[in-house]
Amino acid sequence: MQTFLGLAAAMLGLLLEYIVMLNMKKKKLSEAQAVSWLSAGILIIILGIFPGLIPFFAHLLNIEYAPTVVFVLAIAVLLFIVFYHTTNISLLVSQVNELAMQVALLQEENEELKNAMSKMQGKADRKNGHRGSYDKSKTEKEKSNSEKNHKIKKNNQSTGKHSDQKDRRETE
């Protein structure tokens, strides 16, 4: 029975190693995170292959119930992993705050540039204000001329006048 449990623990450790390597290959797990999980997998494999180490460490640490050593080691490894992730999260939070401040400054600068451009555009429009109204009246005249030409074409087609008479009217 003890041999079966040791073999099952070793297989579980190998499975953990395989999953960690696979996730590292897919870039889902960083190298630093993988080291902690690979260490845990190696520890599981060693304890599965050499189950006599558990009572040895229990005696060394003066623990009466030997399986408690497994739980102590598991808790120690998990605490190490939690501490590592906590420090990484703190670092990432400070980086996010820094980026948020930079974005806010860039947005403020962007607004200032937009305001400056709109002021410059307003000055240019005021400076060329008469020209803009002239251009508008010019396009309205062109539109009314094209409507007149269209009416002339219709009249010419209905009355049968020649195109040279139409060309003379357009040039006038």
C-alpha atoms as a PDB file:
ATOM      1  CA  MET A   1       0.000   0.000   0.000  1.00  0.00           C
ATOM      2  CA  GLN A   2       2.790   2.392   0.903  1.00  0.00           C
ATOM      3  CA  THR A   3       4.580   1.586  -2.376  1.00  0.00           C
ATOM      4  CA  PHE A   4       1.422   2.382  -4.347  1.00  0.00           C
ATOM      5  CA  LEU A   5       1.032   5.761  -2.594  1.00  0.00           C
ATOM      6  CA  GLY A   6       4.696   6.568  -3.221  1.00  0.00           C
ATOM      7  CA  LEU A   7       4.321   5.673  -6.888  1.00  0.00           C
ATOM      8  CA  ALA A   8       1.105   7.737  -7.142  1.00  0.00           C
ATOM      9  CA  ALA A   9       2.876  10.727  -5.533  1.00  0.00           C
ATOM     10  CA  ALA A  10       5.798  10.390  -7.981  1.00  0.00           C
ATOM     11  CA  MET A  11       3.366  10.222 -10.924  1.00  0.00           C
ATOM     12  CA  LEU A  12       1.541  13.282  -9.581  1.00  0.00           C
ATOM     13  CA  GLY A  13       4.876  15.129  -9.381  1.00  0.00           C
ATOM     14  CA  LEU A  14       5.716  14.145 -12.974  1.00  0.00           C
ATOM     15  CA  LEU A  15       2.291  15.296 -14.128  1.00  0.00           C
ATOM     16  CA  LEU A  16       2.848  18.634 -12.369  1.00  0.00           C
ATOM     17  CA  GLU A  17       6.239  18.965 -14.076  1.00  0.00           C
ATOM     18  CA  TYR A  18       4.674  18.241 -17.483  1.00  0.00           C
ATOM     19  CA  ILE A  19       1.852  20.772 -16.977  1.00  0.00           C
ATOM     20  CA  VAL A  20       4.325  23.449 -15.855  1.00  0.00           C
ATOM     21  CA  MET A  21       6.587  22.833 -18.872  1.00  0.00           C
ATOM     22  CA  LEU A  22       3.612  22.882 -21.229  1.00  0.00           C
ATOM     23  CA  ASN A  23       2.365  26.190 -19.806  1.00  0.00           C
ATOM     24  CA  MET A  24       5.860  27.643 -20.027  1.00  0.00           C
ATOM     25  CA  LYS A  25       6.056  26.617 -23.676  1.00  0.00           C
ATOM     26  CA  LYS A  26       2.693  28.287 -24.381  1.00  0.00           C
ATOM     27  CA  LYS A  27       3.924  31.447 -22.584  1.00  0.00           C
ATOM     28  CA  LYS A  28       1.168  31.179 -19.972  1.00  0.00           C
ATOM     29  CA  LEU A  29       3.677  30.872 -17.153  1.00  0.00           C
ATOM     30  CA  SER A  30       6.826  32.938 -16.630  1.00  0.00           C
ATOM     31  CA  GLU A  31      10.166  31.363 -15.859  1.00  0.00           C
ATOM     32  CA  ALA A  32      10.185  32.706 -12.301  1.00  0.00           C
ATOM     33  CA  GLN A  33       6.757  31.221 -11.592  1.00  0.00           C
ATOM     34  CA  ALA A  34       7.735  27.974 -13.266  1.00  0.00           C
ATOM     35  CA  VAL A  35      10.780  27.603 -10.997  1.00  0.00           C
ATOM     36  CA  SER A  36       8.610  27.559  -7.884  1.00  0.00           C
ATOM     37  CA  TRP A  37       6.175  25.059  -9.365  1.00  0.00           C
ATOM     38  CA  LEU A  38       8.983  22.881 -10.729  1.00  0.00           C
ATOM     39  CA  SER A  39      10.562  22.886  -7.257  1.00  0.00           C
ATOM     40  CA  ALA A  40       7.270  21.754  -5.774  1.00  0.00           C
ATOM     41  CA  GLY A  41       7.022  18.999  -8.395  1.00  0.00           C
ATOM     42  CA  ILE A  42      10.555  17.804  -7.696  1.00  0.00           C
ATOM     43  CA  LEU A  43       9.838  17.756  -3.968  1.00  0.00           C
ATOM     44  CA  ILE A  44       6.714  15.645  -4.581  1.00  0.00           C
ATOM     45  CA  ILE A  45       8.672  13.224  -6.782  1.00  0.00           C
ATOM     46  CA  ILE A  46      11.484  12.859  -4.201  1.00  0.00           C
ATOM     47  CA  LEU A  47       9.055  12.276  -1.349  1.00  0.00           C
ATOM     48  CA  GLY A  48       7.123   9.775  -3.509  1.00  0.00           C
ATOM     49  CA  ILE A  49      10.239   7.799  -4.443  1.00  0.00           C
ATOM     50  CA  PHE A  50      11.820   7.964  -0.973  1.00  0.00           C
ATOM     51  CA  PRO A  51       8.930   7.789   1.508  1.00  0.00           C
ATOM     52  CA  GLY A  52      11.407   7.159   4.362  1.00  0.00           C
ATOM     53  CA  LEU A  53      12.387  10.833   4.185  1.00  0.00           C
ATOM     54  CA  ILE A  54       9.080  11.868   5.725  1.00  0.00           C
ATOM     55  CA  PRO A  55       9.659  10.096   9.084  1.00  0.00           C
ATOM     56  CA  PHE A  56      13.299  11.234   9.007  1.00  0.00           C
ATOM     57  CA  PHE A  57      12.298  14.912   8.715  1.00  0.00           C
ATOM     58  CA  ALA A  58       9.557  14.375  11.305  1.00  0.00           C
ATOM     59  CA  HIS A  59      12.116  13.030  13.755  1.00  0.00           C
ATOM     60  CA  LEU A  60      14.578  15.817  12.826  1.00  0.00           C
ATOM     61  CA  LEU A  61      11.934  18.517  13.436  1.00  0.00           C
ATOM     62  CA  ASN A  62      10.648  16.707  16.543  1.00  0.00           C
ATOM     63  CA  ILE A  63       7.166  16.159  15.057  1.00  0.00           C
ATOM     64  CA  GLU A  64       5.347  13.136  16.481  1.00  0.00           C
ATOM     65  CA  TYR A  65       2.940  12.512  13.615  1.00  0.00           C
ATOM     66  CA  ALA A  66       5.071  12.040  10.465  1.00  0.00           C
ATOM     67  CA  PRO A  67       2.441  12.961   7.768  1.00  0.00           C
ATOM     68  CA  THR A  68       2.323  16.452   9.319  1.00  0.00           C
ATOM     69  CA  VAL A  69       5.702  17.097   7.663  1.00  0.00           C
ATOM     70  CA  VAL A  70       4.044  16.801   4.238  1.00  0.00           C
ATOM     71  CA  PHE A  71       1.479  19.427   5.194  1.00  0.00           C
ATOM     72  CA  VAL A  72       4.126  21.717   6.672  1.00  0.00           C
ATOM     73  CA  LEU A  73       6.189  21.485   3.468  1.00  0.00           C
ATOM     74  CA  ALA A  74       3.102  22.058   1.301  1.00  0.00           C
ATOM     75  CA  ILE A  75       2.086  25.091   3.353  1.00  0.00           C
ATOM     76  CA  ALA A  76       5.639  26.470   3.196  1.00  0.00           C
ATOM     77  CA  VAL A  77       5.763  26.111  -0.598  1.00  0.00           C
ATOM     78  CA  LEU A  78       2.316  27.684  -0.997  1.00  0.00           C
ATOM     79  CA  LEU A  79       3.264  30.576   1.287  1.00  0.00           C
ATOM     80  CA  PHE A  80       6.360  31.168  -0.817  1.00  0.00           C
ATOM     81  CA  ILE A  81       4.212  31.209  -3.997  1.00  0.00           C
ATOM     82  CA  VAL A  82       1.659  33.571  -2.423  1.00  0.00           C
ATOM     83  CA  PHE A  83       4.430  35.922  -1.282  1.00  0.00           C
ATOM     84  CA  TYR A  84       5.964  35.914  -4.756  1.00  0.00           C
ATOM     85  CA  HIS A  85       2.616  36.737  -6.366  1.00  0.00           C
ATOM     86  CA  THR A  86       1.884  39.440  -3.800  1.00  0.00           C
ATOM     87  CA  THR A  87       5.149  41.214  -4.582  1.00  0.00           C
ATOM     88  CA  ASN A  88       4.453  40.951  -8.308  1.00  0.00           C
ATOM     89  CA  ILE A  89       0.932  42.326  -7.875  1.00  0.00           C
ATOM     90  CA  SER A  90       2.285  45.259  -5.850  1.00  0.00           C
ATOM     91  CA  LEU A  91       4.806  46.007  -8.586  1.00  0.00           C
ATOM     92  CA  LEU A  92       2.130  45.800 -11.288  1.00  0.00           C
ATOM     93  CA  VAL A  93      -0.231  48.074  -9.335  1.00  0.00           C
ATOM     94  CA  SER A  94       2.466  50.741  -9.060  1.00  0.00           C
ATOM     95  CA  GLN A  95       3.177  50.410 -12.802  1.00  0.00           C
ATOM     96  CA  VAL A  96      -0.537  50.744 -13.625  1.00  0.00           C
ATOM     97  CA  ASN A  97      -0.764  53.866 -11.443  1.00  0.00           C
ATOM     98  CA  GLU A  98       2.261  55.358 -13.200  1.00  0.00           C
ATOM     99  CA  LEU A  99       0.747  54.599 -16.609  1.00  0.00           C
ATOM    100  CA  ALA A 100      -2.592  56.104 -15.571  1.00  0.00           C
ATOM    101  CA  MET A 101      -0.829  59.320 -14.566  1.00  0.00           C
ATOM    102  CA  GLN A 102       1.032  59.423 -17.873  1.00  0.00           C
ATOM    103  CA  VAL A 103      -2.219  58.897 -19.801  1.00  0.00           C
ATOM    104  CA  ALA A 104      -3.890  61.707 -17.847  1.00  0.00           C
ATOM    105  CA  LEU A 105      -1.003  64.051 -18.648  1.00  0.00           C
ATOM    106  CA  LEU A 106      -1.105  63.093 -22.331  1.00  0.00           C
ATOM    107  CA  GLN A 107      -4.873  63.675 -22.456  1.00  0.00           C
ATOM    108  CA  GLU A 108      -4.444  67.088 -20.854  1.00  0.00           C
ATOM    109  CA  GLU A 109      -1.712  67.956 -23.359  1.00  0.00           C
ATOM    110  CA  ASN A 110      -3.926  66.729 -26.196  1.00  0.00           C
ATOM    111  CA  GLU A 111      -6.796  68.955 -25.034  1.00  0.00           C
ATOM    112  CA  GLU A 112      -4.453  71.955 -24.835  1.00  0.00           C
ATOM    113  CA  LEU A 113      -3.261  71.291 -28.387  1.00  0.00           C
ATOM    114  CA  LYS A 114      -6.847  70.967 -29.623  1.00  0.00           C
ATOM    115  CA  ASN A 115      -7.791  74.250 -27.970  1.00  0.00           C
ATOM    116  CA  ALA A 116      -4.754  75.980 -29.444  1.00  0.00           C
ATOM    117  CA  MET A 117      -5.574  74.634 -32.918  1.00  0.00           C
ATOM    118  CA  SER A 118      -9.200  75.718 -32.669  1.00  0.00           C
ATOM    119  CA  LYS A 119      -8.088  79.226 -31.617  1.00  0.00           C
ATOM    120  CA  MET A 120      -5.707  79.363 -34.560  1.00  0.00           C
ATOM    121  CA  GLN A 121      -8.454  78.154 -36.894  1.00  0.00           C
ATOM    122  CA  GLY A 122     -10.817  80.773 -35.493  1.00  0.00           C
ATOM    123  CA  LYS A 123      -8.269  83.540 -36.136  1.00  0.00           C
ATOM    124  CA  ALA A 124      -7.725  82.282 -39.674  1.00  0.00           C
ATOM    125  CA  ASP A 125     -11.493  82.176 -40.308  1.00  0.00           C
ATOM    126  CA  ARG A 126     -11.910  85.726 -39.003  1.00  0.00           C
ATOM    127  CA  LYS A 127      -8.990  86.919 -41.093  1.00  0.00           C
ATOM    128  CA  ASN A 128     -10.418  85.309 -44.246  1.00  0.00           C
ATOM    129  CA  GLY A 129     -14.048  85.824 -43.285  1.00  0.00           C
ATOM    130  CA  HIS A 130     -15.074  87.829 -46.392  1.00  0.00           C
ATOM    131  CA  ARG A 131     -13.426  85.347 -48.672  1.00  0.00           C
ATOM    132  CA  GLY A 132     -15.460  82.500 -47.193  1.00  0.00           C
ATOM    133  CA  SER A 133     -18.767  84.298 -47.815  1.00  0.00           C
ATOM    134  CA  TYR A 134     -17.561  85.165 -51.318  1.00  0.00           C
ATOM    135  CA  ASP A 135     -16.838  81.522 -52.038  1.00  0.00           C
ATOM    136  CA  LYS A 136     -20.288  80.570 -50.771  1.00  0.00           C
ATOM    137  CA  SER A 137     -22.057  83.113 -52.967  1.00  0.00           C
ATOM    138  CA  LYS A 138     -19.931  81.992 -55.901  1.00  0.00           C
ATOM    139  CA  THR A 139     -21.037  78.371 -55.504  1.00  0.00           C
ATOM    140  CA  GLU A 140     -24.676  79.506 -55.250  1.00  0.00           C
ATOM    141  CA  LYS A 141     -24.275  81.453 -58.514  1.00  0.00           C
ATOM    142  CA  GLU A 142     -22.719  78.438 -60.205  1.00  0.00           C
ATOM    143  CA  LYS A 143     -25.620  76.308 -58.999  1.00  0.00           C
ATOM    144  CA  SER A 144     -28.227  78.719 -60.366  1.00  0.00           C
ATOM    145  CA  ASN A 145     -26.313  78.940 -63.676  1.00  0.00           C
ATOM    146  CA  SER A 146     -26.276  75.148 -63.994  1.00  0.00           C
ATOM    147  CA  GLU A 147     -30.037  75.081 -63.334  1.00  0.00           C
ATOM    148  CA  LYS A 148     -30.554  77.704 -66.091  1.00  0.00           C
ATOM    149  CA  ASN A 149     -28.397  75.677 -68.474  1.00  0.00           C
ATOM    150  CA  HIS A 150     -30.426  72.571 -67.695  1.00  0.00           C
ATOM    151  CA  LYS A 151     -33.668  74.422 -68.490  1.00  0.00           C
ATOM    152  CA  ILE A 152     -32.175  75.704 -71.739  1.00  0.00           C
ATOM    153  CA  LYS A 153     -31.208  72.171 -72.740  1.00  0.00           C
ATOM    154  CA  LYS A 154     -34.757  70.973 -72.126  1.00  0.00           C
ATOM    155  CA  ASN A 155     -36.189  73.832 -74.162  1.00  0.00           C
ATOM    156  CA  ASN A 156     -33.766  73.153 -76.980  1.00  0.00           C
ATOM    157  CA  GLN A 157     -34.688  69.500 -77.056  1.00  0.00           C
ATOM    158  CA  SER A 158     -38.410  70.206 -77.046  1.00  0.00           C
ATOM    159  CA  THR A 159     -38.251  72.985 -79.681  1.00  0.00           C
ATOM    160  CA  GLY A 160     -35.593  71.302 -81.816  1.00  0.00           C
ATOM    161  CA  LYS A 161     -33.067  74.138 -81.718  1.00  0.00           C
ATOM    162  CA  HIS A 162     -29.524  73.307 -82.692  1.00  0.00           C
ATOM    163  CA  SER A 163     -26.717  72.847 -80.278  1.00  0.00           C
ATOM    164  CA  ASP A 164     -24.797  75.864 -81.632  1.00  0.00           C
ATOM    165  CA  GLN A 165     -27.548  78.164 -80.384  1.00  0.00           C
ATOM    166  CA  LYS A 166     -27.338  76.431 -77.004  1.00  0.00           C
ATOM    167  CA  ASP A 167     -23.567  76.954 -76.891  1.00  0.00           C
ATOM    168  CA  ARG A 168     -24.029  80.661 -77.613  1.00  0.00           C
ATOM    169  CA  ARG A 169     -26.447  80.981 -74.693  1.00  0.00           C
ATOM    170  CA  GLU A 170     -24.109  79.192 -72.310  1.00  0.00           C
ATOM    171  CA  THR A 171     -21.228  81.496 -73.196  1.00  0.00           C
ATOM    172  CA  GLU A 172     -23.359  84.581 -72.605  1.00  0.00           C
END
